[in-house]
N, C-alpha and C. Protein backbone atom coordinates (compact mmCIF):
# COMPACT_ATOMS: atom_id res chain seq x y z
N UNK A 1 243.60 194.15 47.96
CA UNK A 1 244.84 194.28 47.75
C UNK A 1 245.51 194.71 49.44
N UNK A 2 244.65 195.31 49.93
CA UNK A 2 245.02 195.92 51.36
C UNK A 2 245.23 194.63 52.30
N UNK A 3 244.19 193.59 52.40
CA UNK A 3 244.29 192.23 53.14
C UNK A 3 245.38 191.55 52.52
N UNK A 4 245.78 191.25 51.19
CA UNK A 4 246.85 190.61 51.03
C UNK A 4 248.21 190.99 51.65
N UNK A 5 248.32 192.54 51.67
CA UNK A 5 249.69 193.38 51.78
C UNK A 5 249.72 192.88 53.85
N UNK A 6 248.61 193.05 54.57
CA UNK A 6 248.52 192.76 55.45
C UNK A 6 249.10 191.31 56.14
N UNK A 7 248.40 190.53 55.11
CA UNK A 7 248.76 188.99 55.41
C UNK A 7 250.16 188.76 55.23
N UNK A 8 250.69 189.53 54.35
CA UNK A 8 252.00 188.98 53.81
C UNK A 8 253.00 189.73 55.06
N UNK A 9 252.70 190.96 55.29
CA UNK A 9 253.44 191.27 56.51
C UNK A 9 253.33 190.77 57.88
N UNK A 10 252.10 190.10 58.14
CA UNK A 10 252.23 189.16 59.18
C UNK A 10 252.99 188.00 59.06
N UNK A 11 253.17 187.41 57.86
CA UNK A 11 253.85 186.30 57.75
C UNK A 11 255.34 186.73 57.73
N UNK A 12 255.79 187.80 57.40
CA UNK A 12 257.28 188.10 57.43
C UNK A 12 257.60 188.60 58.71
N UNK A 13 256.57 188.82 59.36
CA UNK A 13 257.11 189.49 60.88
C UNK A 13 257.07 187.98 61.68
N UNK A 14 256.16 187.35 61.32
CA UNK A 14 256.52 185.61 62.10
C UNK A 14 257.62 185.13 61.92
N UNK A 15 258.13 185.11 60.46
CA UNK A 15 259.39 184.40 60.04
C UNK A 15 260.42 185.19 60.57
N UNK A 16 260.61 186.73 60.77
CA UNK A 16 261.75 187.43 61.41
C UNK A 16 261.43 186.92 62.68
N UNK A 17 260.59 187.12 63.49
CA UNK A 17 260.48 186.52 64.99
C UNK A 17 261.28 185.22 65.24
N UNK A 18 261.06 184.44 64.32
CA UNK A 18 261.53 182.72 64.81
C UNK A 18 262.81 183.03 64.56
N UNK A 19 263.38 183.49 63.32
CA UNK A 19 264.71 183.73 62.75
C UNK A 19 265.70 184.33 64.14
N UNK A 20 264.97 185.34 64.74
CA UNK A 20 265.91 186.12 65.83
C UNK A 20 265.83 185.54 67.23
N UNK A 21 264.48 185.06 67.10
CA UNK A 21 264.47 184.53 68.56
C UNK A 21 264.97 182.81 68.77
N UNK A 22 265.21 182.08 67.55
CA UNK A 22 265.41 180.54 67.52
C UNK A 22 264.32 179.71 67.79
N UNK A 23 262.92 180.29 67.84
CA UNK A 23 261.74 179.51 68.04
C UNK A 23 262.13 178.81 69.52
N UNK A 24 262.46 179.56 70.36
CA UNK A 24 262.41 178.90 71.66
C UNK A 24 263.70 178.64 72.38
N UNK A 25 264.62 178.41 71.59
CA UNK A 25 265.99 177.91 72.12
C UNK A 25 266.77 179.54 72.22
N UNK A 26 267.51 179.41 73.48
CA UNK A 26 268.43 180.61 73.75
C UNK A 26 269.44 180.68 73.34
N UNK A 27 270.12 181.80 72.95
CA UNK A 27 271.37 181.87 72.24
C UNK A 27 272.36 181.15 72.57
N UNK A 28 273.02 180.39 71.65
CA UNK A 28 274.24 179.34 71.79
C UNK A 28 273.66 178.26 72.33
N UNK A 29 272.48 177.97 72.24
CA UNK A 29 271.74 176.38 73.17
C UNK A 29 270.70 176.08 72.02
N UNK A 30 271.08 174.85 71.50
CA UNK A 30 270.26 174.16 70.60
C UNK A 30 268.95 173.61 71.42
N UNK A 31 268.03 173.14 70.71
CA UNK A 31 266.90 172.25 71.52
C UNK A 31 267.59 171.12 71.33
N UNK A 32 267.44 170.07 72.29
CA UNK A 32 268.18 168.68 72.52
C UNK A 32 266.76 167.88 72.59
N UNK A 33 266.90 166.83 72.09
CA UNK A 33 265.74 166.00 72.43
C UNK A 33 265.72 165.54 73.83
N UNK A 34 264.75 164.98 74.38
CA UNK A 34 264.27 164.63 75.79
C UNK A 34 264.60 165.39 76.61
N UNK A 35 264.48 166.99 76.28
CA UNK A 35 264.47 167.94 77.14
C UNK A 35 265.84 167.76 77.77
N UNK A 36 267.00 167.64 77.37
CA UNK A 36 268.25 167.53 77.79
C UNK A 36 269.02 168.62 78.18
N UNK A 37 269.58 168.52 78.91
CA UNK A 37 270.23 170.19 79.22
C UNK A 37 271.74 169.73 80.44
N UNK A 38 272.69 170.13 79.80
CA UNK A 38 273.94 170.06 81.05
C UNK A 38 273.67 170.75 82.06
N UNK A 39 273.82 170.32 83.22
CA UNK A 39 273.74 170.72 84.44
C UNK A 39 275.19 171.39 85.12
N UNK A 40 275.22 172.58 85.21
CA UNK A 40 276.83 173.34 85.67
C UNK A 40 276.33 173.63 87.24
N UNK A 41 276.49 174.84 87.68
CA UNK A 41 276.14 175.42 88.83
C UNK A 41 274.71 175.18 89.31
N UNK A 42 274.47 175.15 90.36
CA UNK A 42 275.21 174.59 91.54
C UNK A 42 275.76 173.16 91.35
N UNK A 43 276.59 172.69 91.38
CA UNK A 43 277.22 171.30 91.58
C UNK A 43 278.17 171.13 92.38
N UNK A 44 278.05 170.52 93.45
CA UNK A 44 279.25 170.10 94.52
C UNK A 44 279.59 168.75 94.63
N UNK A 45 280.43 168.06 94.31
CA UNK A 45 280.48 166.45 94.69
C UNK A 45 280.78 166.34 95.79
N UNK A 46 280.44 164.97 96.32
CA UNK A 46 280.87 164.54 97.44
C UNK A 46 282.32 164.08 97.50
N UNK A 47 283.19 164.51 98.39
CA UNK A 47 284.58 164.11 98.46
C UNK A 47 284.65 162.52 98.42
N UNK A 48 284.01 161.92 98.90
CA UNK A 48 283.95 160.16 98.98
C UNK A 48 283.62 159.64 97.64
N UNK A 49 282.73 160.36 96.44
CA UNK A 49 282.33 160.11 95.63
C UNK A 49 283.56 160.46 94.45
N UNK A 50 284.22 161.63 95.02
CA UNK A 50 285.42 161.96 93.35
C UNK A 50 286.22 160.76 94.00
N UNK A 51 286.69 160.66 95.13
CA UNK A 51 287.92 159.71 95.43
C UNK A 51 287.36 158.05 94.88
N UNK A 52 286.31 157.59 95.06
CA UNK A 52 286.03 156.36 94.57
C UNK A 52 285.98 156.55 93.12
N UNK A 53 285.67 157.51 92.36
CA UNK A 53 285.46 157.43 90.99
C UNK A 53 286.24 158.26 90.13
N UNK A 54 287.60 158.02 90.34
CA UNK A 54 288.79 158.54 89.86
C UNK A 54 288.95 158.13 88.42
N UNK A 55 289.65 158.93 87.40
CA UNK A 55 289.77 158.07 85.85
C UNK A 55 291.01 158.17 85.50
N UNK A 56 291.60 157.49 84.74
CA UNK A 56 292.88 157.31 84.38
C UNK A 56 293.54 158.63 83.90
N UNK A 57 294.86 158.79 84.29
CA UNK A 57 295.82 159.91 83.91
C UNK A 57 295.46 161.02 84.78
N UNK A 58 294.22 161.04 85.43
CA UNK A 58 294.07 162.46 86.27
C UNK A 58 295.21 162.50 87.32
N UNK A 59 295.48 163.37 87.57
CA UNK A 59 296.19 163.71 88.88
C UNK A 59 295.50 163.94 90.12
N UNK A 60 295.97 163.26 91.21
CA UNK A 60 295.69 163.55 92.52
C UNK A 60 296.98 163.85 93.46
N UNK A 61 296.40 163.73 94.68
CA UNK A 61 297.71 164.04 95.60
C UNK A 61 298.84 163.26 95.65
N UNK A 62 298.52 161.98 95.24
CA UNK A 62 299.54 160.80 94.89
C UNK A 62 300.06 160.68 93.82
N UNK A 63 299.67 161.56 92.83
CA UNK A 63 300.12 161.67 91.39
C UNK A 63 299.41 161.31 90.45
N UNK A 64 300.10 160.75 89.23
CA UNK A 64 298.99 160.24 88.30
C UNK A 64 298.51 159.23 88.46
N UNK A 65 297.10 158.94 88.06
CA UNK A 65 296.63 157.84 88.01
C UNK A 65 296.77 156.83 87.33
N UNK A 66 297.02 155.68 87.58
CA UNK A 66 297.35 154.67 86.41
C UNK A 66 296.60 153.40 86.32
N UNK A 67 295.62 153.19 87.37
CA UNK A 67 295.05 152.25 87.59
C UNK A 67 293.41 152.43 87.52
N UNK A 68 292.68 153.67 87.49
CA UNK A 68 291.56 153.48 87.48
C UNK A 68 290.92 153.19 85.90
N UNK A 69 289.61 153.38 85.46
CA UNK A 69 289.31 152.85 84.01
C UNK A 69 289.66 154.69 83.43
N UNK A 70 289.28 154.61 81.75
CA UNK A 70 289.56 155.88 81.09
C UNK A 70 288.28 156.75 81.42
N UNK A 71 287.34 156.29 81.74
CA UNK A 71 286.00 156.84 82.08
C UNK A 71 284.83 156.00 82.74
N UNK A 72 284.03 156.68 83.08
CA UNK A 72 283.05 156.16 83.84
C UNK A 72 281.79 156.98 83.38
N UNK A 73 280.46 155.79 83.63
CA UNK A 73 279.22 156.63 83.04
C UNK A 73 278.29 156.40 84.26
N UNK A 74 277.31 156.99 84.44
CA UNK A 74 276.32 157.04 85.51
C UNK A 74 275.10 156.95 84.94
N UNK A 75 273.99 156.16 85.36
CA UNK A 75 272.51 156.47 85.13
C UNK A 75 271.72 156.58 86.29
N UNK A 76 271.52 157.76 86.75
CA UNK A 76 270.81 157.89 88.02
C UNK A 76 269.14 158.30 87.95
N UNK A 77 268.52 157.36 88.52
CA UNK A 77 266.86 157.45 88.57
C UNK A 77 266.38 157.41 89.85
N UNK A 78 266.92 157.79 90.68
CA UNK A 78 266.72 157.62 92.13
C UNK A 78 267.24 158.94 93.11
N UNK A 79 266.60 159.55 93.94
CA UNK A 79 267.41 160.54 94.59
C UNK A 79 268.37 160.08 95.49
N UNK A 80 268.47 159.00 96.22
CA UNK A 80 269.21 158.36 97.25
C UNK A 80 270.67 158.36 96.14
N UNK A 81 270.54 158.11 95.03
CA UNK A 81 271.66 157.86 94.31
C UNK A 81 272.35 159.09 93.92
N UNK A 82 271.47 159.86 93.84
CA UNK A 82 271.95 161.43 93.42
C UNK A 82 272.50 162.04 94.77
N UNK A 83 272.07 161.93 96.01
CA UNK A 83 272.60 162.02 97.17
C UNK A 83 273.91 161.54 97.50
N UNK A 84 274.25 160.27 97.22
CA UNK A 84 275.55 159.87 97.55
C UNK A 84 276.57 160.23 96.27
N UNK A 85 276.15 160.97 95.30
CA UNK A 85 277.28 161.93 94.40
C UNK A 85 277.43 163.10 94.52
N UNK A 86 276.40 163.95 94.91
CA UNK A 86 276.33 165.40 94.90
C UNK A 86 276.04 165.82 96.53
N UNK A 87 276.48 166.85 97.03
CA UNK A 87 276.39 167.21 98.32
C UNK A 87 275.40 168.81 97.96
N UNK A 88 275.59 169.24 97.12
CA UNK A 88 274.77 170.28 96.42
C UNK A 88 274.27 170.17 94.82
N UNK A 89 273.12 170.01 94.63
CA UNK A 89 272.58 169.68 93.13
C UNK A 89 271.28 170.23 92.96
N UNK A 90 271.25 170.82 91.69
CA UNK A 90 269.45 171.38 91.38
C UNK A 90 268.61 169.99 91.69
N UNK A 91 267.21 170.54 92.13
CA UNK A 91 266.33 169.58 92.21
C UNK A 91 265.81 168.97 90.89
N UNK A 92 265.93 167.33 91.25
CA UNK A 92 265.52 166.52 89.79
C UNK A 92 264.30 166.17 90.29
N UNK A 93 263.05 165.92 89.27
CA UNK A 93 261.72 165.16 89.58
C UNK A 93 261.88 163.78 89.10
N UNK A 94 262.30 162.85 90.08
CA UNK A 94 262.58 161.75 89.48
C UNK A 94 261.38 161.13 89.22
N UNK A 95 260.03 161.36 89.44
CA UNK A 95 258.91 160.69 88.60
C UNK A 95 259.07 160.95 86.88
N UNK A 96 259.42 161.98 86.51
CA UNK A 96 259.61 162.40 84.94
C UNK A 96 261.07 162.63 84.48
N UNK A 97 261.49 162.63 85.51
CA UNK A 97 263.23 163.13 85.03
C UNK A 97 264.31 162.02 85.52
N UNK A 98 265.67 162.06 84.79
CA UNK A 98 266.72 161.28 85.29
C UNK A 98 267.82 162.05 84.83
N UNK A 99 269.25 161.69 85.50
CA UNK A 99 270.40 162.11 85.32
C UNK A 99 271.31 161.26 84.44
N UNK A 100 272.30 161.40 83.57
CA UNK A 100 272.94 160.55 83.01
C UNK A 100 274.31 161.45 83.28
N UNK A 101 275.61 160.90 83.64
CA UNK A 101 276.87 161.44 83.97
C UNK A 101 277.82 160.70 83.30
N UNK A 102 278.79 161.40 82.94
CA UNK A 102 280.03 160.83 82.30
C UNK A 102 281.15 161.40 82.77
N UNK A 103 282.44 160.71 83.41
CA UNK A 103 283.59 161.01 84.09
C UNK A 103 284.55 160.58 83.13
N UNK A 104 285.44 161.67 82.89
CA UNK A 104 286.72 161.11 82.02
C UNK A 104 287.87 162.41 82.51
N UNK A 105 289.03 162.22 81.85
CA UNK A 105 290.18 162.95 82.34
C UNK A 105 290.21 163.97 81.07
N UNK A 106 290.82 165.12 81.37
CA UNK A 106 290.94 166.05 80.46
C UNK A 106 291.66 167.30 81.13
N UNK A 107 292.21 167.92 80.39
CA UNK A 107 293.06 169.21 80.61
C UNK A 107 292.30 170.49 80.76
N UNK A 108 291.09 170.46 80.12
CA UNK A 108 290.27 171.94 80.20
C UNK A 108 289.23 171.66 81.03
N UNK A 109 288.88 172.76 81.80
CA UNK A 109 287.57 172.78 82.76
C UNK A 109 286.61 173.45 82.13
N UNK A 110 286.59 173.73 80.84
CA UNK A 110 285.95 174.62 80.01
C UNK A 110 284.33 174.00 80.07
N UNK A 111 283.46 174.49 79.41
CA UNK A 111 281.76 174.23 79.34
C UNK A 111 281.86 173.01 78.32
N UNK A 112 281.06 172.05 78.55
CA UNK A 112 280.93 171.07 77.63
C UNK A 112 279.54 171.42 76.76
N UNK A 113 279.51 171.37 75.69
CA UNK A 113 278.26 171.78 74.87
C UNK A 113 277.62 170.26 74.35
N UNK A 114 276.66 169.82 74.32
CA UNK A 114 275.91 168.69 73.89
C UNK A 114 275.81 169.15 72.25
N UNK A 115 275.99 168.10 71.43
CA UNK A 115 275.58 168.18 70.09
C UNK A 115 274.87 167.38 69.85
N UNK A 116 274.55 166.21 70.26
CA UNK A 116 273.48 165.40 69.66
C UNK A 116 273.15 164.48 70.92
N UNK A 117 271.99 163.84 70.92
CA UNK A 117 271.34 162.63 71.81
C UNK A 117 270.46 161.73 70.95
N UNK A 118 270.97 160.55 70.81
CA UNK A 118 270.17 159.75 70.04
C UNK A 118 269.58 158.33 71.05
N UNK A 119 268.56 157.95 71.19
CA UNK A 119 268.19 156.84 71.86
C UNK A 119 268.01 155.56 70.66
N UNK A 120 269.00 154.48 71.10
CA UNK A 120 268.82 153.58 69.86
C UNK A 120 268.81 152.10 70.81
N UNK A 121 267.49 151.94 70.74
CA UNK A 121 267.06 150.71 71.60
C UNK A 121 267.22 151.21 73.01
N UNK A 122 268.07 150.72 73.91
CA UNK A 122 268.03 150.74 75.25
C UNK A 122 269.37 151.54 75.41
N UNK A 123 270.22 151.99 74.54
CA UNK A 123 271.36 152.66 74.65
C UNK A 123 271.12 154.19 74.43
N UNK A 124 271.76 155.20 75.18
CA UNK A 124 271.67 156.46 74.86
C UNK A 124 272.78 157.05 74.31
N UNK A 125 272.93 157.33 73.13
CA UNK A 125 274.07 157.84 72.80
C UNK A 125 274.42 159.63 72.84
N UNK A 126 275.15 159.83 73.39
CA UNK A 126 275.63 161.47 73.61
C UNK A 126 277.11 161.76 72.98
N UNK A 127 276.99 162.88 71.93
CA UNK A 127 277.91 163.57 71.32
C UNK A 127 278.11 164.87 72.23
N UNK A 128 279.11 165.36 72.42
CA UNK A 128 279.47 166.36 72.95
C UNK A 128 281.05 167.17 72.86
N UNK A 129 280.91 168.53 72.84
CA UNK A 129 282.21 168.99 72.44
C UNK A 129 282.97 169.77 73.58
N UNK A 130 284.15 170.41 73.36
CA UNK A 130 284.67 171.33 74.53
C UNK A 130 284.54 172.88 73.82
N UNK A 131 283.82 173.71 74.81
CA UNK A 131 283.72 174.77 74.42
C UNK A 131 285.35 175.45 73.82
N UNK A 132 285.22 176.16 72.75
CA UNK A 132 286.55 177.04 72.41
C UNK A 132 286.94 178.05 73.38
N UNK A 133 288.20 178.37 73.41
CA UNK A 133 288.43 179.46 74.04
C UNK A 133 289.95 179.65 73.54
N UNK A 134 289.98 181.19 73.45
CA UNK A 134 291.25 182.02 72.91
C UNK A 134 292.35 181.96 74.01
N UNK A 135 292.14 181.47 75.21
CA UNK A 135 293.09 181.57 76.44
C UNK A 135 293.70 180.36 76.35
N UNK A 136 294.98 180.40 76.81
CA UNK A 136 295.91 179.41 76.92
C UNK A 136 295.12 178.94 78.94
N UNK A 137 294.31 178.18 78.88
CA UNK A 137 293.50 177.82 80.22
C UNK A 137 293.90 176.33 80.88
N UNK A 138 294.63 175.68 79.93
CA UNK A 138 294.95 174.09 80.33
C UNK A 138 295.51 174.22 81.69
N UNK A 139 295.03 172.89 82.28
CA UNK A 139 295.70 172.59 83.75
C UNK A 139 296.53 171.13 83.56
N UNK A 140 296.84 170.60 84.49
CA UNK A 140 297.03 169.05 84.51
C UNK A 140 295.80 168.31 84.48
N UNK A 141 295.99 167.20 83.85
CA UNK A 141 295.06 166.47 83.50
C UNK A 141 293.93 165.96 84.81
N UNK A 142 292.72 166.16 84.99
CA UNK A 142 291.95 166.16 86.22
C UNK A 142 290.49 165.26 85.82
N UNK A 143 289.98 164.68 86.35
CA UNK A 143 288.78 164.39 86.20
C UNK A 143 287.47 165.26 86.01
N UNK A 144 286.94 165.01 84.79
CA UNK A 144 286.04 166.07 84.58
C UNK A 144 284.74 165.25 84.54
N UNK A 145 283.57 166.14 84.66
CA UNK A 145 282.07 165.53 84.72
C UNK A 145 281.18 166.11 83.87
N UNK A 146 280.58 165.57 82.77
CA UNK A 146 279.41 166.02 82.42
C UNK A 146 278.07 165.59 83.09
N UNK A 147 277.41 166.34 83.21
CA UNK A 147 276.40 165.96 84.06
C UNK A 147 274.90 166.61 83.06
N UNK A 148 274.11 165.47 82.92
CA UNK A 148 272.92 166.18 81.97
C UNK A 148 271.88 165.62 82.50
N UNK A 149 270.68 166.46 82.47
CA UNK A 149 269.43 166.12 83.26
C UNK A 149 268.38 165.96 82.03
N UNK A 150 267.57 164.85 81.96
CA UNK A 150 266.86 164.66 80.84
C UNK A 150 265.37 163.87 81.21
N UNK A 151 264.51 163.54 80.52
CA UNK A 151 263.28 163.39 80.56
C UNK A 151 263.64 161.76 80.97
N UNK A 152 262.79 161.38 81.62
CA UNK A 152 263.07 159.76 82.31
C UNK A 152 262.71 158.79 80.98
N UNK A 153 263.83 158.06 80.73
CA UNK A 153 263.71 157.18 79.73
C UNK A 153 264.36 155.66 80.14
N UNK A 154 263.94 154.58 79.30
CA UNK A 154 264.10 153.43 79.83
C UNK A 154 265.46 153.05 78.97
N UNK A 155 266.45 153.08 79.73
CA UNK A 155 268.01 152.86 79.05
C UNK A 155 268.50 151.72 80.15
N UNK A 156 269.56 151.10 79.45
CA UNK A 156 270.64 150.48 79.80
C UNK A 156 271.98 150.76 80.06
N UNK A 157 272.16 151.73 78.93
CA UNK A 157 273.34 152.01 78.77
C UNK A 157 273.71 153.53 78.20
N UNK A 158 274.57 154.26 78.69
CA UNK A 158 274.74 155.59 78.07
C UNK A 158 275.90 155.66 77.47
N UNK A 159 276.55 155.99 76.25
CA UNK A 159 277.58 156.15 75.59
C UNK A 159 277.79 157.56 75.23
N UNK A 160 279.12 158.10 75.67
CA UNK A 160 279.40 159.37 75.52
C UNK A 160 280.70 159.41 74.53
N UNK A 161 280.38 160.50 73.73
CA UNK A 161 281.84 160.55 72.19
C UNK A 161 282.20 162.06 72.75
N UNK A 162 283.16 162.38 72.86
CA UNK A 162 283.83 163.89 72.83
C UNK A 162 284.35 163.96 71.41
N UNK A 163 283.77 165.20 70.58
CA UNK A 163 284.09 165.19 69.35
C UNK A 163 285.26 166.06 69.21
N UNK A 164 285.87 166.93 70.15
CA UNK A 164 286.98 167.53 69.70
C UNK A 164 288.18 167.28 71.24
N UNK A 165 288.64 166.52 70.93
CA UNK A 165 289.27 166.41 72.52
C UNK A 165 290.34 167.37 72.87
N UNK A 166 290.75 168.09 71.83
CA UNK A 166 291.98 169.08 72.28
C UNK A 166 291.22 170.52 72.25
N UNK A 167 289.89 170.63 72.42
CA UNK A 167 288.92 171.91 72.50
C UNK A 167 289.37 172.85 71.25
């Protein structure tokens, strides 16, 4: 009877540990396929890259952009390409990792949360949402970037979907 009690107690403790720790996921972060993770700080874009990769509707010194595409996607598999985009960026092991990036116009600069990543043949489909916030923190429309580091994949395209356009 004592052995049965100890086994049952051990199983209960294990279940509770998994429930409270999320089995490896940190609070507020789900485990994503391909070890995908949004990269935030430290990221500093090169000015020439920003100027060359504007998005429709974003405001710049000249006013609202009415000629650029609504969004841009980037698949980065080599360091020299990363260096063309960023002046400061976390280390990427291009033997095993890659970066996909999405540029779009939005009024919120809030954190972007990746909700799903699906590999469909050679197309990577990424859904994300903008973190909710009680503050009225909208700005003029600006080009925003979602930058994701993930395992190196054999892909031709990356398709991004914003699930909650108004935050």
